[in-house]
Amino acid sequence: MSAGTVDSARLPPAFEDYADESLAQAPAGGTGKNGLLEATVARAGDGPTRLIRDRVTVPYHLTGTLDTDPARGLATLVAQEPTGGVAQGDRHRMAIDAHSGARVHVTTQSATKVHSMAANYAHLDASLRAAEGSYLEYIPGPTIVNEDARCLQTVTVDLADEAVVVVADVLVPDGLTDHEPFGFDHYHARVEAEYDGRLVCADAVDLRPDERDPRDPASIGEFSVVGSLYVFAPGKDGPVSDQAAKATADTHRPALEPLADAIHDRIGADERVRAGVSRLPADAGAIVRLLGHREADVTELLRDAWDELRHRTLGVGAPADRRY
């Protein structure tokens, strides 16, 4: 697959049909609509994590790294989009590669606004690769989906021994216009993770309001905002390699059962949301799912869960959010 393109074999069938719809303006995935952000980070010993390679095309923009995180040696990447939102036919791809022992936090400048559409769809794709002993966070702002929009979000994670990857997602379905929540056409978000050549997680949120009301009790019920936090922290039994041991000298792979219990104890009783915490099979990680009425509440409690993980993994809490 060439850089900046999306493998059509990964598209859900409905989105394959949407892709056949032509656009009156610039073609889908054309100039200015085929965004690419590739970044590779590396770290030597206990020094800072450095950006050693990057490639960016419009509408993405990257201004280097920030060293404001309280965690030692952890760099922050902020993906900027000066276009103001995601439109029909947009194809945005992000690929982050963390070398052995590197620590990086990847976020966006603000919420991602998916605008109303008349044809085709928008695809937001992120590919995360974490080498031995690395720590990689992908914590973008919320995704705001407007009326009649079609949005496909895909995240794929490839982990090596003793790596930790954290992924967050918050769906806000009432958009920025005056319409009822869940007025979009189709929203599909999928997260898949592989470790040692084995699929350890495949999770999807697929909402098609015209076919089934998301407020059905078996789906989202009375709530309107969905938040998810994925913690991938697999490890093999027995001694780790010398390379992995060196890479993880200041990162601690969390014990998953105590982590899940601690997160549930911290956020589970909050009456503003409904919260669930589950461990992945084969001790590969954990998933936190939140349902709430307000984006601010879901984001706050998702941040609390992330903060708990950081204390157990990096020895420090979540960094201050300076975007707002």
Protein backbone atom coordinates (compact mmCIF):
# COMPACT_ATOMS: atom_id res chain seq x y z
CA MET A 1 0.00 0.00 0.00
CA SER A 2 1.50 3.34 -1.03
CA ALA A 3 1.86 6.17 1.46
CA GLY A 4 -1.25 8.22 1.89
CA THR A 5 -3.65 5.64 0.48
CA VAL A 6 -6.10 3.39 2.28
CA ASP A 7 -6.41 -0.31 1.51
CA SER A 8 -9.90 -0.78 0.06
CA ALA A 9 -9.94 -4.37 1.38
CA ARG A 10 -10.24 -2.93 4.89
CA LEU A 11 -13.40 -0.96 4.11
CA PRO A 12 -16.71 -2.14 5.56
CA PRO A 13 -19.11 -3.07 2.74
CA ALA A 14 -21.28 0.02 3.20
CA PHE A 15 -18.27 2.30 2.79
CA GLU A 16 -17.26 0.48 -0.40
CA ASP A 17 -20.62 1.56 -1.81
CA TYR A 18 -20.14 5.13 -0.60
CA ALA A 19 -16.72 5.23 -2.31
CA ASP A 20 -18.39 4.77 -5.71
CA GLU A 21 -20.27 8.05 -5.32
CA SER A 22 -18.64 10.86 -7.29
CA LEU A 23 -18.16 14.37 -5.96
CA ALA A 24 -18.93 17.55 -7.85
CA GLN A 25 -15.86 19.33 -6.53
CA ALA A 26 -12.39 17.81 -6.01
CA PRO A 27 -12.38 14.01 -6.32
CA ALA A 28 -12.27 11.87 -3.20
CA GLY A 29 -8.71 11.59 -1.95
CA GLY A 30 -7.55 14.22 -4.44
CA THR A 31 -5.22 17.16 -3.90
CA GLY A 32 -5.85 18.72 -0.51
CA LYS A 33 -8.11 15.84 0.52
CA ASN A 34 -5.46 13.11 0.93
CA GLY A 35 -3.77 14.08 4.18
CA LEU A 36 -0.72 12.20 5.43
CA LEU A 37 1.26 12.47 8.64
CA GLU A 38 4.13 10.03 9.15
CA ALA A 39 6.39 10.36 12.18
CA THR A 40 9.16 8.19 13.63
CA VAL A 41 10.51 8.78 17.13
CA ALA A 42 13.55 7.31 18.87
CA ARG A 43 15.27 7.55 22.24
CA ALA A 44 18.82 6.82 23.36
CA GLY A 45 19.11 5.50 26.92
CA ASP A 46 17.25 7.66 29.43
CA GLY A 47 17.53 10.78 27.28
CA PRO A 48 14.69 12.63 25.55
CA THR A 49 12.62 11.11 22.77
CA ARG A 50 13.44 12.74 19.43
CA LEU A 51 11.54 13.07 16.16
CA ILE A 52 13.94 11.49 13.66
CA ARG A 53 11.73 11.39 10.58
CA ASP A 54 8.49 13.01 9.47
CA ARG A 55 6.48 13.48 6.31
CA VAL A 56 3.37 15.65 6.16
CA THR A 57 0.94 16.62 3.40
CA VAL A 58 -2.06 18.98 3.44
CA PRO A 59 -4.32 19.19 5.36
CA TYR A 60 -2.01 17.94 8.14
CA HIS A 61 0.65 20.22 9.61
CA LEU A 62 3.35 19.39 12.17
CA THR A 63 5.62 21.87 13.94
CA GLY A 64 7.96 19.40 15.63
CA THR A 65 7.77 18.12 19.19
CA LEU A 66 6.97 19.60 22.59
CA ASP A 67 8.82 18.66 25.78
CA THR A 68 6.16 19.75 28.27
CA ASP A 69 5.05 16.34 29.51
CA PRO A 70 5.85 15.52 33.16
CA ALA A 71 7.01 12.02 32.20
CA ARG A 72 10.77 11.78 31.76
CA GLY A 73 11.93 11.54 28.16
CA LEU A 74 8.40 11.72 26.68
CA ALA A 75 7.84 13.88 23.59
CA THR A 76 4.49 15.32 22.49
CA LEU A 77 3.34 15.52 18.85
CA VAL A 78 0.38 17.77 18.01
CA ALA A 79 -1.23 17.05 14.63
CA GLN A 80 -2.63 20.31 13.28
CA GLU A 81 -5.28 20.74 10.59
CA PRO A 82 -5.61 24.36 9.40
CA THR A 83 -8.59 23.48 7.16
CA GLY A 84 -11.09 23.63 10.02
CA GLY A 85 -12.68 20.22 9.65
CA VAL A 86 -13.20 17.03 7.67
CA ALA A 87 -15.35 17.10 4.51
CA GLN A 88 -16.83 14.53 2.14
CA GLY A 89 -14.18 12.68 0.19
CA ASP A 90 -11.40 13.42 2.69
CA ARG A 91 -8.90 10.64 3.34
CA HIS A 92 -6.58 11.33 6.28
CA ARG A 93 -3.87 8.87 7.30
CA MET A 94 -1.51 9.02 10.26
CA ALA A 95 1.37 6.59 10.83
CA ILE A 96 3.39 6.76 14.06
CA ASP A 97 6.44 4.55 14.60
CA ALA A 98 8.00 4.43 18.09
CA HIS A 99 11.46 2.83 18.21
CA SER A 100 12.67 0.73 21.12
CA GLY A 101 12.39 2.60 24.42
CA ALA A 102 10.84 5.72 22.89
CA ARG A 103 8.05 7.59 24.66
CA VAL A 104 5.57 9.71 22.73
CA HIS A 105 2.18 11.32 23.21
CA VAL A 106 0.24 12.07 20.00
CA THR A 107 -2.77 14.36 20.03
CA THR A 108 -4.68 16.85 17.88
CA GLN A 109 -4.96 20.61 18.15
CA SER A 110 -8.67 20.41 18.98
CA ALA A 111 -11.76 18.32 18.34
CA THR A 112 -12.13 16.80 14.87
CA LYS A 113 -15.21 18.26 13.18
CA VAL A 114 -16.78 16.01 10.53
CA HIS A 115 -18.99 18.21 8.36
CA SER A 116 -22.31 17.39 6.73
CA MET A 117 -22.10 15.45 3.47
CA ALA A 118 -24.12 14.92 0.30
CA ALA A 119 -22.08 12.02 -1.12
CA ASN A 120 -19.09 9.70 -0.52
CA TYR A 121 -17.54 9.61 3.01
CA ALA A 122 -14.55 10.66 5.13
CA HIS A 123 -11.90 8.26 6.41
CA LEU A 124 -9.62 8.96 9.38
CA ASP A 125 -6.95 6.26 9.67
CA ALA A 126 -4.18 5.87 12.25
CA SER A 127 -1.46 3.20 12.21
CA LEU A 128 0.58 2.85 15.41
CA ARG A 129 3.69 0.71 15.70
CA ALA A 130 5.44 0.29 19.05
CA ALA A 131 8.83 -1.46 19.26
CA GLU A 132 10.23 -3.25 22.31
CA GLY A 133 9.79 -1.31 25.52
CA SER A 134 8.27 1.76 23.89
CA TYR A 135 5.36 3.79 25.22
CA LEU A 136 2.95 5.37 22.72
CA GLU A 137 -0.21 7.36 23.42
CA TYR A 138 -2.74 8.37 20.77
CA ILE A 139 -5.18 10.70 22.53
CA PRO A 140 -6.93 12.88 19.92
CA GLY A 141 -9.64 15.39 20.69
CA PRO A 142 -13.30 14.34 20.45
CA THR A 143 -14.86 13.52 17.07
CA ILE A 144 -17.87 15.76 16.39
CA VAL A 145 -20.10 14.25 13.70
CA ASN A 146 -22.56 16.57 11.96
CA GLU A 147 -25.88 15.95 10.25
CA ASP A 148 -25.83 13.54 7.24
CA ALA A 149 -22.11 12.85 7.71
CA ARG A 150 -20.46 9.52 6.97
CA CYS A 151 -17.30 8.90 8.95
CA LEU A 152 -15.03 5.87 9.05
CA GLN A 153 -12.34 5.82 11.76
CA THR A 154 -9.78 3.02 11.83
CA VAL A 155 -6.89 2.49 14.22
CA THR A 156 -4.43 -0.38 13.85
CA VAL A 157 -1.81 -1.16 16.49
CA ASP A 158 1.26 -3.37 16.16
CA LEU A 159 3.07 -4.09 19.44
CA ALA A 160 6.37 -5.72 20.31
CA ASP A 161 7.43 -7.20 23.67
CA GLU A 162 6.89 -4.99 26.73
CA ALA A 163 5.47 -2.12 24.67
CA VAL A 164 2.51 -0.10 25.94
CA VAL A 165 0.06 1.66 23.60
CA VAL A 166 -2.87 3.81 24.77
CA VAL A 167 -5.68 4.87 22.41
CA ALA A 168 -8.62 7.13 23.25
CA ASP A 169 -11.76 8.08 21.34
CA VAL A 170 -14.79 10.25 22.19
CA LEU A 171 -17.78 10.43 19.85
CA VAL A 172 -20.00 13.53 20.02
CA PRO A 173 -23.02 12.84 17.77
CA ASP A 174 -24.98 16.11 17.93
CA GLY A 175 -22.59 18.08 15.72
CA LEU A 176 -22.30 21.85 15.54
CA THR A 177 -25.65 22.61 13.89
CA ASP A 178 -29.17 22.79 15.24
CA HIS A 179 -30.34 19.22 14.84
CA GLU A 180 -31.11 16.20 16.95
CA PRO A 181 -28.25 13.96 18.13
CA PHE A 182 -27.48 11.04 15.84
CA GLY A 183 -28.53 12.97 12.75
CA PHE A 184 -25.52 11.62 10.84
CA ASP A 185 -25.83 8.95 8.17
CA HIS A 186 -23.15 6.45 9.26
CA TYR A 187 -20.37 6.37 11.86
CA HIS A 188 -18.03 3.39 12.07
CA ALA A 189 -15.01 3.29 14.39
CA ARG A 190 -12.75 0.22 14.51
CA VAL A 191 -9.67 -0.51 16.64
CA GLU A 192 -7.50 -3.56 16.00
CA ALA A 193 -4.28 -4.56 17.76
CA GLU A 194 -1.75 -7.28 17.01
CA TYR A 195 0.98 -8.65 19.24
CA ASP A 196 3.52 -11.24 18.18
CA GLY A 197 1.60 -11.80 14.94
CA ARG A 198 -1.66 -12.51 16.78
CA LEU A 199 -4.81 -10.39 16.85
CA VAL A 200 -5.42 -9.46 20.50
CA CYS A 201 -8.19 -6.90 20.05
CA ALA A 202 -10.87 -6.14 17.44
CA ASP A 203 -13.44 -3.66 18.67
CA ALA A 204 -15.95 -1.65 16.62
CA VAL A 205 -18.65 0.95 17.14
CA ASP A 206 -21.01 0.95 14.15
CA LEU A 207 -23.95 3.37 14.20
CA ARG A 208 -26.48 3.78 11.36
CA PRO A 209 -29.37 5.79 12.82
CA ASP A 210 -31.65 5.31 9.79
CA GLU A 211 -31.44 1.53 10.19
CA ARG A 212 -31.44 1.27 13.98
CA ASP A 213 -31.88 3.97 16.59
CA PRO A 214 -28.63 4.16 18.60
CA ARG A 215 -30.72 5.07 21.63
CA ASP A 216 -32.09 1.56 21.69
CA PRO A 217 -31.49 0.09 25.19
CA ALA A 218 -29.18 -2.54 23.67
CA SER A 219 -26.96 0.16 22.10
CA ILE A 220 -26.40 3.52 23.78
CA GLY A 221 -29.77 3.91 25.45
CA GLU A 222 -30.56 7.32 26.91
CA PHE A 223 -27.00 8.58 26.45
CA SER A 224 -25.52 10.55 23.57
CA VAL A 225 -21.72 10.60 24.03
CA VAL A 226 -19.50 7.52 23.76
CA GLY A 227 -15.97 7.41 25.14
CA SER A 228 -13.41 4.60 24.82
CA LEU A 229 -9.93 4.09 26.24
CA TYR A 230 -7.82 1.16 25.05
CA VAL A 231 -4.74 0.04 26.97
CA PHE A 232 -2.53 -2.45 25.14
CA ALA A 233 0.23 -3.85 27.35
CA PRO A 234 1.04 -7.43 26.34
CA GLY A 235 4.04 -9.35 27.58
CA LYS A 236 5.42 -12.86 27.39
CA ASP A 237 5.80 -15.06 30.41
CA GLY A 238 9.33 -15.61 31.63
CA PRO A 239 12.40 -13.37 31.31
CA VAL A 240 12.40 -10.61 28.70
CA SER A 241 15.23 -10.01 26.26
CA ASP A 242 18.16 -7.77 27.20
CA GLN A 243 16.94 -5.22 24.66
CA ALA A 244 13.44 -5.15 26.13
CA ALA A 245 14.79 -4.95 29.69
CA LYS A 246 16.99 -1.99 28.77
CA ALA A 247 14.17 -0.25 26.88
CA THR A 248 11.71 -0.56 29.77
CA ALA A 249 14.06 0.55 32.54
CA ASP A 250 11.82 3.53 33.44
CA THR A 251 8.47 2.21 32.16
CA HIS A 252 6.49 -0.33 34.17
CA ARG A 253 4.07 -2.65 32.39
CA PRO A 254 0.88 -2.35 34.46
CA ALA A 255 -0.62 -5.34 36.23
CA LEU A 256 -3.92 -5.53 34.40
CA GLU A 257 -6.28 -6.85 37.06
CA PRO A 258 -5.31 -4.24 39.68
CA LEU A 259 -5.36 -1.56 36.94
CA ALA A 260 -8.88 -2.48 35.83
CA ASP A 261 -10.07 -2.54 39.45
CA ALA A 262 -8.44 0.81 40.21
CA ILE A 263 -9.99 2.48 37.15
CA HIS A 264 -13.41 1.10 38.01
CA ASP A 265 -13.08 2.26 41.62
CA ARG A 266 -12.09 5.74 40.43
CA ILE A 267 -14.82 6.37 37.82
CA GLY A 268 -17.42 3.61 38.17
CA ALA A 269 -19.57 5.30 40.82
CA ASP A 270 -19.82 8.67 39.08
CA GLU A 271 -23.52 9.23 38.36
CA ARG A 272 -22.84 11.41 35.31
CA VAL A 273 -21.83 8.38 33.22
CA ARG A 274 -22.14 4.65 32.85
CA ALA A 275 -18.70 3.07 32.95
CA GLY A 276 -17.36 -0.38 32.21
CA VAL A 277 -13.84 -1.80 32.36
CA SER A 278 -12.85 -5.11 30.75
CA ARG A 279 -9.59 -6.99 30.43
CA LEU A 280 -8.56 -8.25 27.01
CA PRO A 281 -7.89 -11.96 26.42
CA ALA A 282 -4.42 -13.35 27.08
CA ASP A 283 -3.61 -10.40 29.39
CA ALA A 284 -3.09 -8.18 26.35
CA GLY A 285 -4.62 -5.08 27.92
CA ALA A 286 -7.89 -3.50 28.97
CA ILE A 287 -10.76 -1.44 27.53
CA VAL A 288 -12.70 1.33 29.27
CA ARG A 289 -16.09 2.32 27.80
CA LEU A 290 -18.08 5.34 28.96
CA LEU A 291 -21.58 6.55 28.09
CA GLY A 292 -22.67 10.03 29.09
CA HIS A 293 -24.93 12.98 28.29
CA ARG A 294 -22.17 15.63 28.03
CA GLU A 295 -18.86 15.55 26.20
CA ALA A 296 -17.18 17.38 29.08
CA ASP A 297 -18.19 14.68 31.58
CA VAL A 298 -17.08 11.78 29.38
CA THR A 299 -13.78 13.47 28.54
CA GLU A 300 -13.10 14.27 32.21
CA LEU A 301 -13.65 10.71 33.39
CA LEU A 302 -11.79 9.19 30.46
CA ARG A 303 -8.92 11.44 31.48
CA ASP A 304 -9.18 10.10 35.04
CA ALA A 305 -8.81 6.55 33.72
CA TRP A 306 -5.81 7.63 31.61
CA ASP A 307 -4.32 9.36 34.65
CA GLU A 308 -4.62 6.16 36.69
CA LEU A 309 -2.83 4.20 33.99
CA ARG A 310 -0.02 6.74 33.77
CA HIS A 311 0.63 6.68 37.50
CA ARG A 312 1.01 2.89 37.33
CA THR A 313 3.10 2.90 34.14
CA LEU A 314 5.16 6.09 34.09
CA GLY A 315 4.98 7.18 37.74
CA VAL A 316 3.34 10.50 36.82
CA GLY A 317 -0.19 11.59 35.98
CA ALA A 318 -1.74 12.90 32.77
CA PRO A 319 -0.30 16.17 31.44
CA ALA A 320 -2.18 19.45 31.52
CA ASP A 321 -4.43 19.94 28.49
CA ARG A 322 -3.34 23.26 26.95
CA ARG A 323 -5.50 23.02 23.84
CA TYR A 324 -8.52 24.82 25.27
